[in-house]
Amino acid sequence: MTYNIVAALRAWARTTGGCAVVALLQPTPEVFNQFDDLMLLREGAPVYHGRRDKAAEHFKSIGESSLSFLKFLKVSFLFMYGQLD
């Protein structure tokens, strides 16, 4: 069900050139991969804001496991855009 809702939001963003901001608790990998950008929070403070496909690289560059960002997915805002730069 969540996948279908997120897919519909993604289609809407692409069709209208709009932006959808979604807050999800522990999305499945299939749902997570539909998003363009992430804002990952820890205790209310942002620890990463950027492209979804660059999150693992960012955490690895600061000495964390490349999958460290996964622990923040329970408190995240996910973005999808109609037009990407």
Protein backbone atom coordinates (compact mmCIF):
# COMPACT_ATOMS: atom_id res chain seq x y z
CA MET A 1 0.00 0.00 0.00
CA THR A 2 2.74 2.49 0.95
CA TYR A 3 4.61 1.73 -2.26
CA ASN A 4 1.52 2.58 -4.34
CA ILE A 5 0.91 5.85 -2.50
CA VAL A 6 4.55 6.92 -2.88
CA ALA A 7 4.55 5.88 -6.56
CA ALA A 8 1.47 8.06 -7.11
CA LEU A 9 3.16 11.01 -5.37
CA ARG A 10 6.27 10.50 -7.50
CA ALA A 11 4.16 10.45 -10.68
CA TRP A 12 2.37 13.61 -9.55
CA ALA A 13 5.68 15.40 -8.86
CA ARG A 14 7.07 14.39 -12.25
CA THR A 15 3.89 15.35 -14.12
CA THR A 16 3.35 18.73 -12.46
CA GLY A 17 6.97 19.74 -11.87
CA GLY A 18 6.11 19.87 -8.18
CA CYS A 19 7.81 18.68 -5.03
CA ALA A 20 6.50 16.13 -2.54
CA VAL A 21 7.87 16.06 0.99
CA VAL A 22 7.07 12.85 2.84
CA ALA A 23 7.90 11.72 6.38
CA LEU A 24 8.02 7.94 6.73
CA LEU A 25 9.00 5.56 9.47
CA GLN A 26 11.39 2.85 8.31
CA PRO A 27 10.43 2.68 4.63
CA THR A 28 11.08 -0.55 2.75
CA PRO A 29 13.97 -0.50 0.23
CA GLU A 30 11.47 -0.38 -2.64
CA VAL A 31 9.77 2.70 -1.19
CA PHE A 32 13.08 4.33 -0.18
CA ASN A 33 14.48 4.01 -3.71
CA GLN A 34 11.66 6.12 -5.15
CA PHE A 35 12.95 9.27 -3.44
CA ASP A 36 15.41 11.81 -4.79
CA ASP A 37 16.68 13.56 -1.64
CA LEU A 38 16.83 12.79 2.07
CA MET A 39 16.92 14.75 5.29
CA LEU A 40 18.05 12.40 8.05
CA LEU A 41 17.59 13.51 11.65
CA ARG A 42 19.05 12.42 14.96
CA GLU A 43 17.41 13.76 18.10
CA GLY A 44 15.78 16.45 15.97
CA ALA A 45 19.01 17.70 14.37
CA PRO A 46 19.90 17.05 10.73
CA VAL A 47 22.79 14.65 10.17
CA TYR A 48 22.46 14.47 6.38
CA HIS A 49 20.59 16.41 3.74
CA GLY A 50 21.24 15.58 0.12
CA ARG A 51 20.79 13.14 -2.71
CA ARG A 52 19.59 9.67 -1.75
CA ASP A 53 22.18 8.04 -3.97
CA LYS A 54 25.02 9.97 -2.26
CA ALA A 55 24.11 9.18 1.38
CA ALA A 56 26.26 6.05 1.69
CA GLU A 57 29.23 7.88 0.14
CA HIS A 58 28.82 10.79 2.58
CA PHE A 59 28.79 8.59 5.68
CA LYS A 60 31.78 6.62 4.41
CA SER A 61 33.71 9.89 3.85
CA ILE A 62 33.28 10.85 7.52
CA GLY A 63 34.51 7.50 8.78
CA GLU A 64 31.18 5.78 9.30
CA SER A 65 29.97 2.58 7.71
CA SER A 66 28.60 3.32 4.27
CA LEU A 67 25.27 1.98 5.53
CA SER A 68 25.21 4.11 8.72
CA PHE A 69 22.47 6.29 7.28
CA LEU A 70 20.04 3.37 7.47
CA LYS A 71 19.73 3.79 11.24
CA PHE A 72 18.32 7.28 10.67
CA LEU A 73 15.51 6.16 8.38
CA LYS A 74 13.12 5.89 11.28
CA VAL A 75 13.23 9.69 11.60
CA SER A 76 13.57 11.03 8.09
CA PHE A 77 12.00 13.34 5.58
CA LEU A 78 12.15 12.18 2.00
CA PHE A 79 11.81 14.40 -1.05
CA MET A 80 10.87 13.80 -4.67
CA TYR A 81 10.95 16.41 -7.39
CA GLY A 82 9.32 16.96 -10.73
CA GLN A 83 12.47 18.45 -12.24
CA LEU A 84 16.00 17.55 -11.24
CA ASP A 85 19.10 19.63 -11.84
